[in-house]
Amino acid sequence: MWYRKPEEGLLDTLEELGIGFVPFSPLGKAVLTGRFNKDTIFDKTDFRSTIPRFSHENLQKNIVLVNYVKELADKKQTTPARIALGWLLAQKPWIVPIPGTKKVERLQENIGAEDITFTSEELTDIRKHIESIEITGARYPEEQEKLTGL
C-alpha cells in the first residue's frame, strides 16, 4: 500500500515465470500500523528520520494513507497492520509479506492478518482509493534509493 512500483510490470513477469514475491517492509517501516500521525517527528536516532517519506513535511501529506488504513481497520474490527498485510495476502497466493518485529505481541497481531478477508468489491474499492493517494518523498535517502533498483 505504501510502495506500489512492483505492480508496474514486475508482478506480471513474476506470475508468468512462476516466481513468488516477498514484499520488503510491507508495513511501510511501521507507518501502516497506525502508530504515527501527522505531527510525529522522528528522533535523530530513529532510522526513519533519514527517509524522505518520513520528513515532517512529507509525513503530513502521507498520513492520508495511514488514516485510510485505520478506517478500513475500524470497519473490519481489526488493526491497521492486519489490514495492510491482509490486503497484500489477498493480491496473489504467491505474494508472501515478511513484516519485521521485535515484539511477540506484534508477531501475533501480524499472524492474524491471514484471517482478514476482502470481497472482490472491497479489493476494487481499496485499490481505487489507494491509487488516488499520492505518496510524497522517496522511500530511502537518495544514495540508497539508487541501490534498490525498484
N, C-alpha and C. Protein backbone atom coordinates (compact mmCIF):
# COMPACT_ATOMS: atom_id res chain seq x y z
N MET A 1 0.82 -1.20 0.00
CA MET A 1 0.00 0.00 0.00
C MET A 1 0.87 1.26 0.00
N TRP A 2 2.01 1.19 0.61
CA TRP A 2 2.91 2.33 0.80
C TRP A 2 3.86 2.49 -0.37
N TYR A 3 4.15 1.37 -1.06
CA TYR A 3 5.05 1.39 -2.20
C TYR A 3 4.50 0.45 -3.26
N ARG A 4 4.07 0.97 -4.38
CA ARG A 4 3.32 0.19 -5.35
C ARG A 4 4.06 -0.07 -6.66
N LYS A 5 5.30 0.36 -6.77
CA LYS A 5 6.03 0.23 -8.03
C LYS A 5 6.13 -1.21 -8.56
N PRO A 6 6.26 -2.24 -7.71
CA PRO A 6 6.31 -3.61 -8.26
C PRO A 6 5.09 -3.98 -9.10
N GLU A 7 3.98 -3.29 -8.91
CA GLU A 7 2.78 -3.58 -9.70
C GLU A 7 2.91 -3.09 -11.14
N GLU A 8 3.93 -2.30 -11.42
CA GLU A 8 4.12 -1.74 -12.76
C GLU A 8 4.89 -2.70 -13.66
N GLY A 9 4.50 -3.94 -13.72
CA GLY A 9 5.11 -4.90 -14.61
C GLY A 9 5.85 -6.02 -13.93
N LEU A 10 6.47 -5.75 -12.80
CA LEU A 10 7.24 -6.80 -12.12
C LEU A 10 6.35 -7.98 -11.72
N LEU A 11 5.21 -7.70 -11.12
CA LEU A 11 4.35 -8.79 -10.65
C LEU A 11 3.84 -9.65 -11.81
N ASP A 12 3.52 -9.02 -12.94
CA ASP A 12 3.09 -9.79 -14.12
C ASP A 12 4.19 -10.73 -14.58
N THR A 13 5.41 -10.24 -14.59
CA THR A 13 6.55 -11.07 -15.01
C THR A 13 6.77 -12.22 -14.04
N LEU A 14 6.70 -11.93 -12.76
CA LEU A 14 6.88 -12.98 -11.75
C LEU A 14 5.81 -14.05 -11.89
N GLU A 15 4.58 -13.63 -12.12
CA GLU A 15 3.48 -14.59 -12.28
C GLU A 15 3.71 -15.45 -13.52
N GLU A 16 4.10 -14.83 -14.60
CA GLU A 16 4.36 -15.55 -15.85
C GLU A 16 5.46 -16.60 -15.67
N LEU A 17 6.47 -16.27 -14.87
CA LEU A 17 7.60 -17.18 -14.66
C LEU A 17 7.40 -18.14 -13.48
N GLY A 18 6.29 -17.99 -12.77
CA GLY A 18 6.02 -18.87 -11.62
C GLY A 18 6.92 -18.58 -10.44
N ILE A 19 7.28 -17.32 -10.25
CA ILE A 19 8.17 -16.91 -9.17
C ILE A 19 7.36 -16.16 -8.11
N GLY A 20 7.57 -16.47 -6.87
CA GLY A 20 6.90 -15.78 -5.78
C GLY A 20 7.50 -14.41 -5.53
N PHE A 21 6.78 -13.62 -4.74
CA PHE A 21 7.23 -12.26 -4.41
C PHE A 21 7.13 -12.08 -2.90
N VAL A 22 8.20 -11.59 -2.31
CA VAL A 22 8.25 -11.33 -0.87
C VAL A 22 8.40 -9.82 -0.67
N PRO A 23 7.30 -9.12 -0.42
CA PRO A 23 7.39 -7.67 -0.23
C PRO A 23 8.23 -7.32 1.00
N PHE A 24 9.18 -6.44 0.79
CA PHE A 24 10.04 -5.96 1.88
C PHE A 24 9.32 -4.82 2.59
N SER A 25 9.35 -4.85 3.89
CA SER A 25 8.74 -3.80 4.72
C SER A 25 7.27 -3.56 4.35
N PRO A 26 6.46 -4.61 4.41
CA PRO A 26 5.06 -4.49 4.00
C PRO A 26 4.22 -3.56 4.87
N LEU A 27 4.75 -3.19 6.02
CA LEU A 27 4.04 -2.24 6.87
C LEU A 27 4.64 -0.83 6.76
N GLY A 28 5.43 -0.64 5.71
CA GLY A 28 5.97 0.69 5.44
C GLY A 28 6.80 1.24 6.58
N LYS A 29 7.69 0.41 7.11
CA LYS A 29 8.54 0.80 8.24
C LYS A 29 7.69 1.28 9.41
N ALA A 30 6.60 0.54 9.61
CA ALA A 30 5.65 0.70 10.72
C ALA A 30 4.63 1.81 10.54
N VAL A 31 4.70 2.57 9.46
CA VAL A 31 3.73 3.64 9.28
C VAL A 31 2.32 3.08 9.12
N LEU A 32 2.17 1.91 8.49
CA LEU A 32 0.83 1.35 8.27
C LEU A 32 0.27 0.64 9.50
N THR A 33 1.00 0.66 10.59
CA THR A 33 0.47 0.11 11.84
C THR A 33 -0.43 1.12 12.54
N GLY A 34 -0.37 2.38 12.10
CA GLY A 34 -1.17 3.42 12.74
C GLY A 34 -0.51 4.05 13.95
N ARG A 35 0.75 3.72 14.20
CA ARG A 35 1.45 4.25 15.38
C ARG A 35 1.81 5.72 15.27
N PHE A 36 1.85 6.24 14.05
CA PHE A 36 2.29 7.61 13.85
C PHE A 36 1.15 8.48 13.34
N ASN A 37 1.29 9.78 13.51
CA ASN A 37 0.30 10.71 12.98
C ASN A 37 1.02 11.87 12.29
N LYS A 38 0.26 12.83 11.81
CA LYS A 38 0.85 13.93 11.04
C LYS A 38 1.82 14.78 11.84
N ASP A 39 1.75 14.70 13.15
CA ASP A 39 2.62 15.51 14.00
C ASP A 39 3.86 14.75 14.48
N THR A 40 3.99 13.50 14.08
CA THR A 40 5.13 12.71 14.52
C THR A 40 6.43 13.29 13.95
N ILE A 41 7.41 13.44 14.81
CA ILE A 41 8.75 13.84 14.41
C ILE A 41 9.68 12.77 14.95
N PHE A 42 10.45 12.17 14.06
CA PHE A 42 11.33 11.07 14.44
C PHE A 42 12.64 11.60 15.00
N ASP A 43 13.05 11.02 16.11
CA ASP A 43 14.31 11.36 16.73
C ASP A 43 15.46 11.05 15.77
N LYS A 44 16.55 11.77 15.88
CA LYS A 44 17.71 11.54 15.00
C LYS A 44 18.26 10.13 15.10
N THR A 45 17.99 9.44 16.21
CA THR A 45 18.47 8.06 16.38
C THR A 45 17.57 7.05 15.68
N ASP A 46 16.40 7.47 15.24
CA ASP A 46 15.45 6.61 14.54
C ASP A 46 15.79 6.63 13.05
N PHE A 47 16.00 5.46 12.45
CA PHE A 47 16.39 5.40 11.03
C PHE A 47 15.40 6.10 10.12
N ARG A 48 14.13 6.17 10.52
CA ARG A 48 13.13 6.84 9.68
C ARG A 48 13.42 8.33 9.53
N SER A 49 14.19 8.90 10.45
CA SER A 49 14.50 10.33 10.35
C SER A 49 15.33 10.65 9.11
N THR A 50 15.94 9.64 8.50
CA THR A 50 16.77 9.84 7.30
C THR A 50 15.99 9.57 6.01
N ILE A 51 14.77 9.08 6.14
CA ILE A 51 13.97 8.69 4.98
C ILE A 51 13.05 9.84 4.57
N PRO A 52 13.15 10.29 3.33
CA PRO A 52 12.35 11.43 2.89
C PRO A 52 10.84 11.29 3.14
N ARG A 53 10.27 10.11 2.98
CA ARG A 53 8.82 9.95 3.21
C ARG A 53 8.41 10.26 4.64
N PHE A 54 9.38 10.17 5.55
CA PHE A 54 9.08 10.38 6.96
C PHE A 54 9.46 11.77 7.45
N SER A 55 9.93 12.63 6.54
CA SER A 55 10.20 14.01 6.98
C SER A 55 8.89 14.59 7.49
N HIS A 56 8.97 15.55 8.36
CA HIS A 56 7.75 16.12 8.94
C HIS A 56 6.81 16.63 7.85
N GLU A 57 7.37 17.33 6.88
CA GLU A 57 6.56 17.89 5.79
C GLU A 57 5.88 16.78 4.97
N ASN A 58 6.63 15.75 4.60
CA ASN A 58 6.05 14.67 3.78
C ASN A 58 5.09 13.81 4.58
N LEU A 59 5.41 13.54 5.83
CA LEU A 59 4.52 12.70 6.64
C LEU A 59 3.15 13.36 6.79
N GLN A 60 3.12 14.68 6.88
CA GLN A 60 1.83 15.37 6.99
C GLN A 60 0.94 15.09 5.79
N LYS A 61 1.56 14.89 4.61
CA LYS A 61 0.79 14.57 3.40
C LYS A 61 0.50 13.07 3.32
N ASN A 62 1.49 12.26 3.67
CA ASN A 62 1.38 10.81 3.51
C ASN A 62 0.46 10.17 4.54
N ILE A 63 0.15 10.88 5.58
CA ILE A 63 -0.69 10.33 6.64
C ILE A 63 -2.10 10.03 6.13
N VAL A 64 -2.45 10.57 4.98
CA VAL A 64 -3.76 10.29 4.37
C VAL A 64 -3.92 8.78 4.17
N LEU A 65 -2.88 8.12 3.72
CA LEU A 65 -2.93 6.67 3.52
C LEU A 65 -3.11 5.96 4.85
N VAL A 66 -2.38 6.38 5.85
CA VAL A 66 -2.47 5.77 7.18
C VAL A 66 -3.89 5.91 7.72
N ASN A 67 -4.46 7.08 7.57
CA ASN A 67 -5.82 7.30 8.06
C ASN A 67 -6.83 6.43 7.32
N TYR A 68 -6.61 6.22 6.04
CA TYR A 68 -7.49 5.34 5.27
C TYR A 68 -7.38 3.90 5.77
N VAL A 69 -6.17 3.44 6.01
CA VAL A 69 -5.97 2.08 6.52
C VAL A 69 -6.63 1.94 7.90
N LYS A 70 -6.54 2.96 8.72
CA LYS A 70 -7.20 2.94 10.03
C LYS A 70 -8.72 2.83 9.87
N GLU A 71 -9.27 3.57 8.90
CA GLU A 71 -10.72 3.49 8.62
C GLU A 71 -11.12 2.06 8.26
N LEU A 72 -10.35 1.46 7.37
CA LEU A 72 -10.64 0.07 6.98
C LEU A 72 -10.57 -0.86 8.19
N ALA A 73 -9.57 -0.65 9.03
CA ALA A 73 -9.41 -1.48 10.23
C ALA A 73 -10.62 -1.32 11.15
N ASP A 74 -11.09 -0.10 11.31
CA ASP A 74 -12.28 0.12 12.15
C ASP A 74 -13.49 -0.62 11.58
N LYS A 75 -13.66 -0.56 10.27
CA LYS A 75 -14.80 -1.23 9.62
C LYS A 75 -14.73 -2.74 9.80
N LYS A 76 -13.52 -3.28 9.74
CA LYS A 76 -13.34 -4.73 9.86
C LYS A 76 -13.08 -5.17 11.30
N GLN A 77 -13.08 -4.22 12.21
CA GLN A 77 -12.83 -4.50 13.63
C GLN A 77 -11.53 -5.27 13.84
N THR A 78 -10.48 -4.69 13.28
CA THR A 78 -9.15 -5.28 13.39
C THR A 78 -8.13 -4.16 13.50
N THR A 79 -6.88 -4.47 13.27
CA THR A 79 -5.82 -3.47 13.38
C THR A 79 -5.37 -3.00 11.99
N PRO A 80 -4.80 -1.81 11.92
CA PRO A 80 -4.26 -1.35 10.64
C PRO A 80 -3.20 -2.29 10.07
N ALA A 81 -2.34 -2.83 10.92
CA ALA A 81 -1.31 -3.76 10.43
C ALA A 81 -1.94 -4.97 9.76
N ARG A 82 -2.98 -5.51 10.35
CA ARG A 82 -3.65 -6.67 9.75
C ARG A 82 -4.30 -6.31 8.42
N ILE A 83 -4.83 -5.11 8.32
CA ILE A 83 -5.42 -4.66 7.05
C ILE A 83 -4.34 -4.61 5.97
N ALA A 84 -3.23 -3.98 6.27
CA ALA A 84 -2.16 -3.83 5.27
C ALA A 84 -1.62 -5.20 4.85
N LEU A 85 -1.38 -6.08 5.80
CA LEU A 85 -0.87 -7.41 5.47
C LEU A 85 -1.93 -8.26 4.78
N GLY A 86 -3.16 -8.18 5.26
CA GLY A 86 -4.26 -8.92 4.64
C GLY A 86 -4.50 -8.49 3.21
N TRP A 87 -4.36 -7.20 2.94
CA TRP A 87 -4.52 -6.70 1.58
C TRP A 87 -3.45 -7.30 0.68
N LEU A 88 -2.22 -7.35 1.14
CA LEU A 88 -1.15 -7.98 0.35
C LEU A 88 -1.44 -9.45 0.11
N LEU A 89 -1.83 -10.15 1.14
CA LEU A 89 -2.12 -11.59 1.01
C LEU A 89 -3.27 -11.84 0.02
N ALA A 90 -4.19 -10.88 -0.09
CA ALA A 90 -5.34 -11.04 -0.98
C ALA A 90 -5.01 -10.79 -2.44
N GLN A 91 -3.83 -10.25 -2.73
CA GLN A 91 -3.48 -9.91 -4.11
C GLN A 91 -3.23 -11.15 -4.97
N LYS A 92 -2.33 -12.00 -4.53
CA LYS A 92 -1.97 -13.23 -5.25
C LYS A 92 -1.51 -14.25 -4.22
N PRO A 93 -1.76 -15.53 -4.44
CA PRO A 93 -1.35 -16.54 -3.45
C PRO A 93 0.18 -16.68 -3.34
N TRP A 94 0.91 -16.18 -4.32
CA TRP A 94 2.36 -16.29 -4.31
C TRP A 94 3.05 -15.02 -3.79
N ILE A 95 2.26 -14.09 -3.24
CA ILE A 95 2.81 -12.91 -2.57
C ILE A 95 2.80 -13.19 -1.08
N VAL A 96 4.00 -13.17 -0.49
CA VAL A 96 4.15 -13.53 0.93
C VAL A 96 4.91 -12.42 1.65
N PRO A 97 4.21 -11.53 2.34
CA PRO A 97 4.89 -10.44 3.04
C PRO A 97 5.67 -10.95 4.27
N ILE A 98 6.75 -10.28 4.57
CA ILE A 98 7.54 -10.63 5.76
C ILE A 98 7.72 -9.40 6.65
N PRO A 99 6.74 -9.13 7.48
CA PRO A 99 6.89 -7.98 8.38
C PRO A 99 7.91 -8.27 9.47
N GLY A 100 8.73 -7.30 9.74
CA GLY A 100 9.69 -7.45 10.83
C GLY A 100 9.06 -7.03 12.14
N THR A 101 9.54 -7.60 13.22
CA THR A 101 9.05 -7.21 14.53
C THR A 101 10.05 -7.60 15.59
N LYS A 102 9.97 -6.91 16.69
CA LYS A 102 10.84 -7.21 17.83
C LYS A 102 10.00 -7.68 19.03
N LYS A 103 8.69 -7.67 18.87
CA LYS A 103 7.80 -7.98 19.99
C LYS A 103 6.86 -9.13 19.64
N VAL A 104 6.68 -10.03 20.58
CA VAL A 104 5.81 -11.19 20.37
C VAL A 104 4.38 -10.75 20.09
N GLU A 105 3.90 -9.72 20.77
CA GLU A 105 2.51 -9.29 20.55
C GLU A 105 2.32 -8.75 19.13
N ARG A 106 3.34 -8.15 18.55
CA ARG A 106 3.25 -7.68 17.17
C ARG A 106 3.26 -8.87 16.21
N LEU A 107 4.05 -9.87 16.53
CA LEU A 107 4.08 -11.09 15.72
C LEU A 107 2.70 -11.73 15.71
N GLN A 108 2.08 -11.84 16.89
CA GLN A 108 0.74 -12.42 16.98
C GLN A 108 -0.27 -11.58 16.20
N GLU A 109 -0.13 -10.27 16.30
CA GLU A 109 -1.02 -9.38 15.53
C GLU A 109 -0.84 -9.62 14.03
N ASN A 110 0.40 -9.69 13.58
CA ASN A 110 0.68 -9.89 12.16
C ASN A 110 0.15 -11.22 11.65
N ILE A 111 0.29 -12.26 12.44
CA ILE A 111 -0.22 -13.58 12.06
C ILE A 111 -1.73 -13.53 11.84
N GLY A 112 -2.42 -12.69 12.59
CA GLY A 112 -3.86 -12.54 12.46
C GLY A 112 -4.30 -12.00 11.11
N ALA A 113 -3.36 -11.49 10.33
CA ALA A 113 -3.71 -10.96 9.00
C ALA A 113 -4.24 -12.05 8.08
N GLU A 114 -3.85 -13.30 8.34
CA GLU A 114 -4.35 -14.38 7.48
C GLU A 114 -5.85 -14.59 7.63
N ASP A 115 -6.42 -14.07 8.70
CA ASP A 115 -7.87 -14.20 8.92
C ASP A 115 -8.67 -13.06 8.30
N ILE A 116 -7.99 -12.06 7.77
CA ILE A 116 -8.68 -10.92 7.17
C ILE A 116 -9.09 -11.29 5.74
N THR A 117 -10.35 -11.08 5.46
CA THR A 117 -10.84 -11.36 4.11
C THR A 117 -11.45 -10.09 3.52
N PHE A 118 -11.35 -10.00 2.22
CA PHE A 118 -11.94 -8.88 1.49
C PHE A 118 -12.77 -9.45 0.35
N THR A 119 -13.91 -8.84 0.10
CA THR A 119 -14.69 -9.21 -1.08
C THR A 119 -13.99 -8.62 -2.30
N SER A 120 -14.36 -9.09 -3.47
CA SER A 120 -13.76 -8.53 -4.68
C SER A 120 -14.12 -7.05 -4.81
N GLU A 121 -15.33 -6.69 -4.36
CA GLU A 121 -15.73 -5.28 -4.40
C GLU A 121 -14.87 -4.45 -3.45
N GLU A 122 -14.60 -4.98 -2.27
CA GLU A 122 -13.75 -4.26 -1.32
C GLU A 122 -12.34 -4.07 -1.89
N LEU A 123 -11.81 -5.13 -2.50
CA LEU A 123 -10.47 -5.02 -3.08
C LEU A 123 -10.43 -3.98 -4.19
N THR A 124 -11.46 -3.94 -5.01
CA THR A 124 -11.54 -2.93 -6.07
C THR A 124 -11.61 -1.53 -5.49
N ASP A 125 -12.45 -1.36 -4.48
CA ASP A 125 -12.58 -0.05 -3.83
C ASP A 125 -11.27 0.39 -3.17
N ILE A 126 -10.63 -0.54 -2.49
CA ILE A 126 -9.36 -0.22 -1.82
C ILE A 126 -8.33 0.19 -2.86
N ARG A 127 -8.22 -0.58 -3.92
CA ARG A 127 -7.25 -0.27 -4.98
C ARG A 127 -7.50 1.12 -5.54
N LYS A 128 -8.74 1.43 -5.88
CA LYS A 128 -9.08 2.75 -6.42
C LYS A 128 -8.69 3.84 -5.42
N HIS A 129 -9.00 3.61 -4.17
CA HIS A 129 -8.73 4.63 -3.15
C HIS A 129 -7.23 4.86 -2.98
N ILE A 130 -6.48 3.79 -2.83
CA ILE A 130 -5.04 3.99 -2.59
C ILE A 130 -4.33 4.51 -3.84
N GLU A 131 -4.85 4.19 -5.01
CA GLU A 131 -4.27 4.75 -6.24
C GLU A 131 -4.49 6.25 -6.33
N SER A 132 -5.50 6.75 -5.65
CA SER A 132 -5.79 8.20 -5.68
C SER A 132 -4.94 8.98 -4.67
N ILE A 133 -4.21 8.27 -3.82
CA ILE A 133 -3.39 8.92 -2.79
C ILE A 133 -1.96 9.04 -3.30
N GLU A 134 -1.46 10.25 -3.35
CA GLU A 134 -0.08 10.48 -3.79
C GLU A 134 0.85 10.42 -2.58
N ILE A 135 1.78 9.49 -2.62
CA ILE A 135 2.78 9.38 -1.55
C ILE A 135 3.94 10.31 -1.90
N THR A 136 4.32 11.15 -0.95
CA THR A 136 5.33 12.17 -1.17
C THR A 136 6.64 11.78 -0.51
N GLY A 137 7.73 11.91 -1.26
CA GLY A 137 9.06 11.62 -0.72
C GLY A 137 9.54 10.24 -1.13
N ALA A 138 10.83 10.12 -1.29
CA ALA A 138 11.45 8.84 -1.66
C ALA A 138 11.40 7.86 -0.50
N ARG A 139 11.48 6.55 -0.84
CA ARG A 139 11.45 5.52 0.21
C ARG A 139 12.74 5.43 0.97
N TYR A 140 13.83 5.90 0.37
CA TYR A 140 15.15 5.86 1.01
C TYR A 140 15.87 7.16 0.70
N PRO A 141 16.91 7.47 1.47
CA PRO A 141 17.76 8.61 1.10
C PRO A 141 18.31 8.37 -0.31
N GLU A 142 18.61 9.42 -1.03
CA GLU A 142 18.97 9.34 -2.45
C GLU A 142 20.05 8.29 -2.75
N GLU A 143 21.11 8.26 -1.96
CA GLU A 143 22.20 7.31 -2.24
C GLU A 143 21.74 5.85 -2.10
N GLN A 144 20.82 5.57 -1.21
CA GLN A 144 20.30 4.22 -1.03
C GLN A 144 19.23 3.90 -2.08
N GLU A 145 18.45 4.88 -2.46
CA GLU A 145 17.37 4.69 -3.44
C GLU A 145 17.96 4.14 -4.75
N LYS A 146 19.12 4.64 -5.14
CA LYS A 146 19.77 4.19 -6.37
C LYS A 146 20.13 2.71 -6.31
N LEU A 147 20.40 2.19 -5.12
CA LEU A 147 20.82 0.81 -4.97
C LEU A 147 19.67 -0.20 -5.04
N THR A 148 18.44 0.26 -4.80
CA THR A 148 17.32 -0.68 -4.72
C THR A 148 16.91 -1.23 -6.07
N GLY A 149 17.04 -0.44 -7.12
CA GLY A 149 16.66 -0.91 -8.46
C GLY A 149 15.18 -0.90 -8.72
N LEU A 150 14.38 -0.64 -7.72
CA LEU A 150 12.91 -0.57 -7.91
C LEU A 150 12.40 0.78 -7.51
